[in-house]
């Protein structure tokens, strides 16, 4: 029974030892505010002191792309809405182009005319026709 217990405890001890090293903060020492000493101010070499700004997403504004009756750009790779990149959503058609939808309202194939639904896409007759012609 001792061997079984040892065999079961060994992985737990090893996991605990590995996790103990996960909290290393690179040598920074915490200070106790109650002891009356103040924490040192971050230096310019402290990489955690300056937040890194994420790059702004690249692409056209969604409102300028998804205009009813206009032509969808041939190389459409998404658009930017509220500061976020909205990737193309849709399905690949048998005729070699994707049928892309946006905001449960618009649809088109790259280089094609942009259609707008009068309600949810799944209920719009013109969209369902486009989906049927897509095949599959």
N, C-alpha and C. Protein backbone atom coordinates (compact mmCIF):
# COMPACT_ATOMS: atom_id res chain seq x y z
N UNK A 1 0.82 -1.20 0.00
CA UNK A 1 0.00 0.00 0.00
C UNK A 1 0.86 1.26 0.00
N UNK A 2 2.06 1.20 0.58
CA UNK A 2 2.96 2.35 0.65
C UNK A 2 3.45 2.73 -0.74
N UNK A 3 3.73 1.75 -1.58
CA UNK A 3 4.18 2.05 -2.94
C UNK A 3 3.09 2.75 -3.73
N UNK A 4 1.85 2.31 -3.57
CA UNK A 4 0.73 2.92 -4.27
C UNK A 4 0.57 4.38 -3.83
N UNK A 5 0.65 4.60 -2.53
CA UNK A 5 0.52 5.95 -2.00
C UNK A 5 1.65 6.84 -2.53
N UNK A 6 2.87 6.33 -2.56
CA UNK A 6 4.02 7.07 -3.07
C UNK A 6 3.83 7.37 -4.55
N UNK A 7 3.33 6.39 -5.31
CA UNK A 7 3.11 6.58 -6.74
C UNK A 7 2.05 7.64 -7.00
N UNK A 8 1.06 7.73 -6.13
CA UNK A 8 0.00 8.73 -6.31
C UNK A 8 0.44 10.12 -5.85
N UNK A 9 1.27 10.19 -4.83
CA UNK A 9 1.69 11.48 -4.29
C UNK A 9 2.83 12.12 -5.09
N UNK A 10 3.65 11.32 -5.74
CA UNK A 10 4.80 11.87 -6.48
C UNK A 10 4.39 12.89 -7.54
N UNK A 11 3.37 12.62 -8.38
CA UNK A 11 2.98 13.64 -9.36
C UNK A 11 2.46 14.91 -8.72
N UNK A 12 1.77 14.79 -7.57
CA UNK A 12 1.26 15.98 -6.90
C UNK A 12 2.40 16.84 -6.35
N UNK A 13 3.40 16.20 -5.78
CA UNK A 13 4.54 16.93 -5.25
C UNK A 13 5.29 17.62 -6.38
N UNK A 14 5.48 16.91 -7.50
CA UNK A 14 6.18 17.48 -8.65
C UNK A 14 5.40 18.67 -9.21
N UNK A 15 4.09 18.54 -9.33
CA UNK A 15 3.26 19.64 -9.83
C UNK A 15 3.35 20.85 -8.90
N UNK A 16 3.31 20.61 -7.60
CA UNK A 16 3.43 21.71 -6.64
C UNK A 16 4.76 22.42 -6.76
N UNK A 17 5.82 21.66 -6.96
CA UNK A 17 7.15 22.25 -7.10
C UNK A 17 7.25 23.09 -8.37
N UNK A 18 6.64 22.60 -9.45
CA UNK A 18 6.67 23.36 -10.70
C UNK A 18 5.85 24.64 -10.59
N UNK A 19 4.71 24.56 -9.95
CA UNK A 19 3.85 25.74 -9.81
C UNK A 19 4.45 26.78 -8.87
N UNK A 20 5.27 26.36 -7.95
CA UNK A 20 5.88 27.30 -7.01
C UNK A 20 6.75 28.30 -7.73
N UNK A 21 7.33 27.94 -8.87
CA UNK A 21 8.18 28.86 -9.62
C UNK A 21 7.41 29.79 -10.51
N UNK A 22 6.09 29.61 -10.65
CA UNK A 22 5.30 30.42 -11.56
C UNK A 22 5.10 31.85 -11.08
N UNK A 23 5.28 32.11 -9.81
CA UNK A 23 5.01 33.45 -9.29
C UNK A 23 6.21 34.36 -9.30
N UNK A 24 7.32 33.97 -9.90
CA UNK A 24 8.53 34.80 -9.92
C UNK A 24 8.27 36.07 -10.70
N UNK A 25 8.51 37.21 -10.08
CA UNK A 25 8.25 38.48 -10.74
C UNK A 25 9.53 39.16 -11.20
N UNK A 26 10.57 38.41 -11.41
CA UNK A 26 11.81 38.97 -11.93
C UNK A 26 12.67 39.62 -10.87
N UNK A 27 12.48 39.28 -9.59
CA UNK A 27 13.36 39.80 -8.55
C UNK A 27 12.82 41.02 -7.83
N UNK A 28 11.67 41.52 -8.17
CA UNK A 28 11.10 42.67 -7.49
C UNK A 28 10.65 42.24 -6.11
N UNK A 29 10.96 43.02 -5.09
CA UNK A 29 10.60 42.68 -3.73
C UNK A 29 9.39 43.49 -3.33
N UNK A 30 8.40 42.82 -2.74
CA UNK A 30 7.21 43.51 -2.26
C UNK A 30 7.54 44.19 -0.94
N UNK A 31 6.90 45.31 -0.68
CA UNK A 31 7.10 46.00 0.59
C UNK A 31 5.80 46.03 1.34
N UNK A 32 5.88 46.08 2.64
CA UNK A 32 4.70 46.11 3.50
C UNK A 32 4.34 47.56 3.78
N UNK A 33 3.19 48.05 3.24
CA UNK A 33 2.82 49.45 3.47
C UNK A 33 2.65 49.76 4.95
N UNK A 34 2.28 48.78 5.77
CA UNK A 34 2.08 49.01 7.19
C UNK A 34 3.40 49.27 7.91
N UNK A 35 4.51 48.87 7.31
CA UNK A 35 5.82 49.05 7.95
C UNK A 35 6.32 50.49 7.83
N UNK A 36 5.59 51.33 7.12
CA UNK A 36 5.96 52.74 7.02
C UNK A 36 6.86 53.05 5.85
N UNK A 37 7.31 52.07 5.12
CA UNK A 37 8.15 52.36 3.96
C UNK A 37 7.29 52.38 2.71
N UNK A 38 7.66 53.21 1.81
CA UNK A 38 6.92 53.32 0.56
C UNK A 38 7.54 52.40 -0.47
N UNK A 39 6.70 51.93 -1.38
CA UNK A 39 7.20 51.08 -2.47
C UNK A 39 8.02 51.96 -3.40
N UNK A 40 9.11 51.42 -3.94
CA UNK A 40 9.93 52.22 -4.85
C UNK A 40 9.16 52.56 -6.12
N UNK A 41 9.40 53.76 -6.62
CA UNK A 41 8.75 54.18 -7.86
C UNK A 41 9.35 53.39 -9.02
N UNK A 42 8.53 53.03 -10.00
CA UNK A 42 9.07 52.28 -11.14
C UNK A 42 10.08 53.14 -11.91
N UNK A 43 11.12 52.50 -12.36
CA UNK A 43 12.13 53.21 -13.14
C UNK A 43 11.79 53.11 -14.61
N UNK A 44 12.48 53.91 -15.42
CA UNK A 44 12.21 53.90 -16.86
C UNK A 44 12.58 52.57 -17.49
N UNK A 45 13.45 51.79 -16.84
CA UNK A 45 13.83 50.49 -17.40
C UNK A 45 12.82 49.40 -17.04
N UNK A 46 11.87 49.72 -16.16
CA UNK A 46 10.85 48.75 -15.75
C UNK A 46 9.83 48.62 -16.87
N UNK A 47 9.83 47.49 -17.56
CA UNK A 47 8.95 47.32 -18.73
C UNK A 47 7.49 47.25 -18.34
N UNK A 48 7.17 46.92 -17.08
CA UNK A 48 5.78 46.84 -16.69
C UNK A 48 5.19 48.22 -16.39
N UNK A 49 6.03 49.25 -16.31
CA UNK A 49 5.56 50.59 -15.98
C UNK A 49 4.85 51.26 -17.15
N UNK A 50 5.20 50.92 -18.37
CA UNK A 50 4.58 51.55 -19.52
C UNK A 50 3.68 50.54 -20.22
N UNK A 51 2.38 50.84 -20.26
CA UNK A 51 1.48 49.92 -20.95
C UNK A 51 1.74 49.95 -22.44
N UNK A 52 1.71 48.79 -23.05
CA UNK A 52 1.92 48.75 -24.50
C UNK A 52 0.60 48.99 -25.20
N UNK A 53 0.62 49.88 -26.14
CA UNK A 53 -0.59 50.19 -26.90
C UNK A 53 -0.71 49.17 -28.03
N UNK A 54 -1.92 48.59 -28.16
CA UNK A 54 -2.11 47.65 -29.25
C UNK A 54 -2.31 48.45 -30.53
N UNK A 55 -1.78 47.95 -31.63
CA UNK A 55 -1.91 48.68 -32.89
C UNK A 55 -3.36 48.75 -33.34
N UNK A 56 -3.69 49.85 -33.96
CA UNK A 56 -5.05 50.01 -34.48
C UNK A 56 -5.26 49.03 -35.62
N UNK A 57 -6.45 48.42 -35.68
CA UNK A 57 -6.69 47.47 -36.78
C UNK A 57 -6.70 48.19 -38.12
N UNK A 58 -6.21 47.49 -39.12
CA UNK A 58 -6.15 48.07 -40.46
C UNK A 58 -7.31 47.55 -41.30
N UNK A 59 -7.85 48.43 -42.10
CA UNK A 59 -8.93 48.06 -43.01
C UNK A 59 -9.89 49.21 -43.17
N UNK A 60 -10.79 49.08 -44.14
CA UNK A 60 -11.77 50.13 -44.36
C UNK A 60 -12.85 50.11 -43.28
N UNK A 61 -13.48 51.23 -43.09
CA UNK A 61 -14.59 51.34 -42.15
C UNK A 61 -15.76 50.51 -42.68
N UNK A 62 -16.39 49.73 -41.83
CA UNK A 62 -17.48 48.85 -42.26
C UNK A 62 -18.63 49.64 -42.90
N UNK A 63 -18.91 50.82 -42.36
CA UNK A 63 -20.01 51.63 -42.90
C UNK A 63 -19.71 52.09 -44.33
N UNK A 64 -18.44 52.20 -44.69
CA UNK A 64 -18.11 52.61 -46.05
C UNK A 64 -18.10 51.43 -47.03
N UNK A 65 -17.94 50.21 -46.51
CA UNK A 65 -17.94 49.02 -47.37
C UNK A 65 -19.35 48.51 -47.60
N UNK A 66 -20.09 48.33 -46.53
CA UNK A 66 -21.40 47.69 -46.61
C UNK A 66 -22.49 48.72 -46.91
N UNK A 67 -22.56 49.08 -48.18
CA UNK A 67 -23.56 50.04 -48.67
C UNK A 67 -24.42 49.32 -49.69
N UNK A 68 -25.71 49.27 -49.44
CA UNK A 68 -26.64 48.56 -50.31
C UNK A 68 -26.53 49.04 -51.75
N UNK A 69 -26.41 48.07 -52.66
CA UNK A 69 -26.35 48.37 -54.09
C UNK A 69 -24.95 48.66 -54.61
N UNK A 70 -24.00 48.92 -53.73
CA UNK A 70 -22.62 49.18 -54.16
C UNK A 70 -21.91 47.85 -54.44
N UNK A 71 -20.72 47.93 -55.01
CA UNK A 71 -19.94 46.74 -55.32
C UNK A 71 -18.97 46.45 -54.18
N UNK A 72 -18.97 45.21 -53.72
CA UNK A 72 -18.04 44.81 -52.67
C UNK A 72 -16.64 44.75 -53.26
N UNK A 73 -15.64 45.24 -52.54
CA UNK A 73 -14.26 45.17 -53.03
C UNK A 73 -13.86 43.71 -53.34
N UNK A 74 -13.13 43.54 -54.42
CA UNK A 74 -12.73 42.20 -54.84
C UNK A 74 -11.83 41.49 -53.85
N UNK A 75 -10.97 42.18 -53.20
CA UNK A 75 -10.05 41.56 -52.24
C UNK A 75 -10.48 41.78 -50.80
N UNK A 76 -11.78 41.76 -50.54
CA UNK A 76 -12.30 42.05 -49.21
C UNK A 76 -11.71 41.10 -48.16
N UNK A 77 -11.11 41.69 -47.12
CA UNK A 77 -10.51 40.90 -46.04
C UNK A 77 -11.07 41.29 -44.68
N UNK A 78 -12.13 42.06 -44.68
CA UNK A 78 -12.74 42.50 -43.43
C UNK A 78 -12.80 44.01 -43.37
N UNK A 79 -13.42 44.50 -42.30
CA UNK A 79 -13.57 45.94 -42.12
C UNK A 79 -13.46 46.27 -40.64
N UNK A 80 -13.34 47.55 -40.35
CA UNK A 80 -13.16 48.00 -38.97
C UNK A 80 -14.44 48.65 -38.48
N UNK A 81 -14.89 48.17 -37.31
CA UNK A 81 -16.09 48.73 -36.68
C UNK A 81 -15.81 48.88 -35.19
N UNK A 82 -16.06 50.05 -34.64
CA UNK A 82 -15.82 50.34 -33.23
C UNK A 82 -14.39 49.99 -32.80
N UNK A 83 -13.43 50.26 -33.69
CA UNK A 83 -12.04 50.04 -33.37
C UNK A 83 -11.59 48.58 -33.42
N UNK A 84 -12.45 47.69 -33.92
CA UNK A 84 -12.10 46.27 -34.02
C UNK A 84 -12.21 45.80 -35.46
N UNK A 85 -11.35 44.87 -35.83
CA UNK A 85 -11.40 44.28 -37.15
C UNK A 85 -12.50 43.23 -37.17
N UNK A 86 -13.43 43.36 -38.11
CA UNK A 86 -14.50 42.39 -38.29
C UNK A 86 -14.10 41.55 -39.50
N UNK A 87 -13.75 40.29 -39.24
CA UNK A 87 -13.31 39.40 -40.31
C UNK A 87 -14.51 38.96 -41.15
N UNK A 88 -14.26 38.61 -42.41
CA UNK A 88 -15.35 38.16 -43.27
C UNK A 88 -16.05 36.94 -42.68
N UNK A 89 -17.36 36.94 -42.77
CA UNK A 89 -18.17 35.84 -42.26
C UNK A 89 -19.04 35.35 -43.41
N UNK A 90 -19.12 34.10 -43.60
CA UNK A 90 -19.96 33.58 -44.67
C UNK A 90 -19.58 32.16 -45.02
N UNK A 91 -19.86 31.79 -46.25
CA UNK A 91 -19.56 30.44 -46.70
C UNK A 91 -19.01 30.46 -48.11
N UNK A 92 -18.21 29.46 -48.40
CA UNK A 92 -17.60 29.38 -49.72
C UNK A 92 -18.60 28.74 -50.68
N UNK A 93 -18.75 29.34 -51.84
CA UNK A 93 -19.71 28.85 -52.82
C UNK A 93 -19.05 27.92 -53.83
N UNK A 94 -19.86 27.07 -54.43
CA UNK A 94 -19.36 26.12 -55.43
C UNK A 94 -18.76 26.82 -56.65
N UNK A 95 -19.19 28.04 -56.93
CA UNK A 95 -18.68 28.74 -58.11
C UNK A 95 -17.36 29.45 -57.84
N UNK A 96 -16.77 29.24 -56.67
CA UNK A 96 -15.41 29.71 -56.41
C UNK A 96 -15.27 31.01 -55.64
N UNK A 97 -16.35 31.59 -55.18
CA UNK A 97 -16.27 32.81 -54.39
C UNK A 97 -17.04 32.62 -53.09
N UNK A 98 -16.63 33.31 -52.02
CA UNK A 98 -17.39 33.22 -50.78
C UNK A 98 -18.61 34.14 -50.81
N UNK A 99 -19.69 33.70 -50.21
CA UNK A 99 -20.86 34.56 -49.99
C UNK A 99 -20.67 35.11 -48.57
N UNK A 100 -20.34 36.39 -48.49
CA UNK A 100 -19.98 37.01 -47.22
C UNK A 100 -21.19 37.77 -46.68
N UNK A 101 -21.40 37.66 -45.38
CA UNK A 101 -22.48 38.39 -44.72
C UNK A 101 -21.89 39.33 -43.68
N UNK A 102 -22.67 40.34 -43.33
CA UNK A 102 -22.24 41.30 -42.32
C UNK A 102 -23.45 41.76 -41.52
N UNK A 103 -23.33 41.70 -40.22
CA UNK A 103 -24.30 42.27 -39.28
C UNK A 103 -25.71 41.71 -39.46
N UNK A 104 -25.83 40.46 -39.90
CA UNK A 104 -27.13 39.81 -40.13
C UNK A 104 -28.06 40.71 -40.95
N UNK A 105 -27.45 41.48 -41.86
CA UNK A 105 -28.22 42.44 -42.63
C UNK A 105 -27.78 42.50 -44.09
N UNK A 106 -26.45 42.43 -44.36
CA UNK A 106 -25.94 42.58 -45.72
C UNK A 106 -25.28 41.28 -46.18
N UNK A 107 -25.20 41.10 -47.49
CA UNK A 107 -24.50 39.98 -48.08
C UNK A 107 -23.98 40.36 -49.45
N UNK A 108 -22.93 39.65 -49.88
CA UNK A 108 -22.37 39.85 -51.21
C UNK A 108 -21.25 38.85 -51.44
N UNK A 109 -20.85 38.72 -52.68
CA UNK A 109 -19.61 38.02 -53.03
C UNK A 109 -18.61 39.11 -53.41
N UNK A 110 -17.31 38.88 -53.19
CA UNK A 110 -16.33 39.89 -53.60
C UNK A 110 -16.49 40.23 -55.08
N UNK A 111 -16.56 41.51 -55.37
CA UNK A 111 -16.75 41.99 -56.73
C UNK A 111 -18.21 42.02 -57.15
N UNK A 112 -19.12 41.62 -56.25
CA UNK A 112 -20.56 41.59 -56.57
C UNK A 112 -21.31 42.72 -55.91
N UNK A 113 -22.60 42.82 -56.24
CA UNK A 113 -23.47 43.84 -55.68
C UNK A 113 -23.84 43.48 -54.24
N UNK A 114 -23.85 44.45 -53.36
CA UNK A 114 -24.18 44.25 -51.95
C UNK A 114 -25.69 44.32 -51.78
N UNK A 115 -26.25 43.25 -51.21
CA UNK A 115 -27.69 43.20 -50.93
C UNK A 115 -27.94 43.46 -49.46
N UNK A 116 -29.13 43.99 -49.19
CA UNK A 116 -29.53 44.27 -47.81
C UNK A 116 -30.85 43.58 -47.51
N UNK A 117 -30.90 42.88 -46.40
CA UNK A 117 -32.12 42.17 -46.00
C UNK A 117 -33.11 43.14 -45.37
N UNK A 118 -34.38 42.77 -45.45
CA UNK A 118 -35.42 43.59 -44.81
C UNK A 118 -35.70 43.12 -43.39
N UNK A 119 -34.91 42.23 -42.91
CA UNK A 119 -35.02 41.67 -41.56
C UNK A 119 -33.83 40.77 -41.37
N UNK A 120 -33.96 39.75 -40.52
CA UNK A 120 -32.86 38.81 -40.37
C UNK A 120 -32.56 38.11 -41.70
N UNK A 121 -31.29 37.87 -41.97
CA UNK A 121 -30.89 37.26 -43.24
C UNK A 121 -31.65 35.96 -43.52
N UNK A 122 -31.77 35.10 -42.53
CA UNK A 122 -32.38 33.79 -42.76
C UNK A 122 -33.83 33.89 -43.21
N UNK A 123 -34.45 35.03 -43.01
CA UNK A 123 -35.85 35.21 -43.43
C UNK A 123 -35.99 36.00 -44.72
N UNK A 124 -34.89 36.56 -45.21
CA UNK A 124 -34.95 37.40 -46.40
C UNK A 124 -34.92 36.54 -47.67
N UNK A 125 -35.93 36.71 -48.53
CA UNK A 125 -36.05 35.89 -49.74
C UNK A 125 -34.85 36.07 -50.67
N UNK A 126 -34.42 37.29 -50.90
CA UNK A 126 -33.30 37.54 -51.81
C UNK A 126 -32.00 36.90 -51.29
N UNK A 127 -31.78 36.95 -49.99
CA UNK A 127 -30.60 36.31 -49.43
C UNK A 127 -30.70 34.79 -49.56
N UNK A 128 -31.86 34.24 -49.28
CA UNK A 128 -32.03 32.79 -49.41
C UNK A 128 -31.81 32.35 -50.84
N UNK A 129 -32.24 33.17 -51.81
CA UNK A 129 -31.99 32.86 -53.24
C UNK A 129 -30.49 32.87 -53.52
N UNK A 130 -29.78 33.87 -52.99
CA UNK A 130 -28.35 33.95 -53.18
C UNK A 130 -27.66 32.74 -52.54
N UNK A 131 -28.14 32.34 -51.40
CA UNK A 131 -27.58 31.18 -50.70
C UNK A 131 -27.81 29.90 -51.51
N UNK A 132 -28.99 29.76 -52.09
CA UNK A 132 -29.28 28.60 -52.94
C UNK A 132 -28.39 28.57 -54.16
N UNK A 133 -28.17 29.73 -54.77
CA UNK A 133 -27.32 29.77 -55.96
C UNK A 133 -25.85 29.50 -55.62
N UNK A 134 -25.53 29.64 -54.35
CA UNK A 134 -24.18 29.38 -53.87
C UNK A 134 -23.88 27.87 -53.94
N UNK A 135 -24.92 27.07 -53.83
CA UNK A 135 -24.74 25.61 -53.87
C UNK A 135 -24.33 25.09 -52.51
N UNK A 136 -24.23 23.78 -52.44
CA UNK A 136 -23.78 23.14 -51.20
C UNK A 136 -24.74 23.29 -50.15
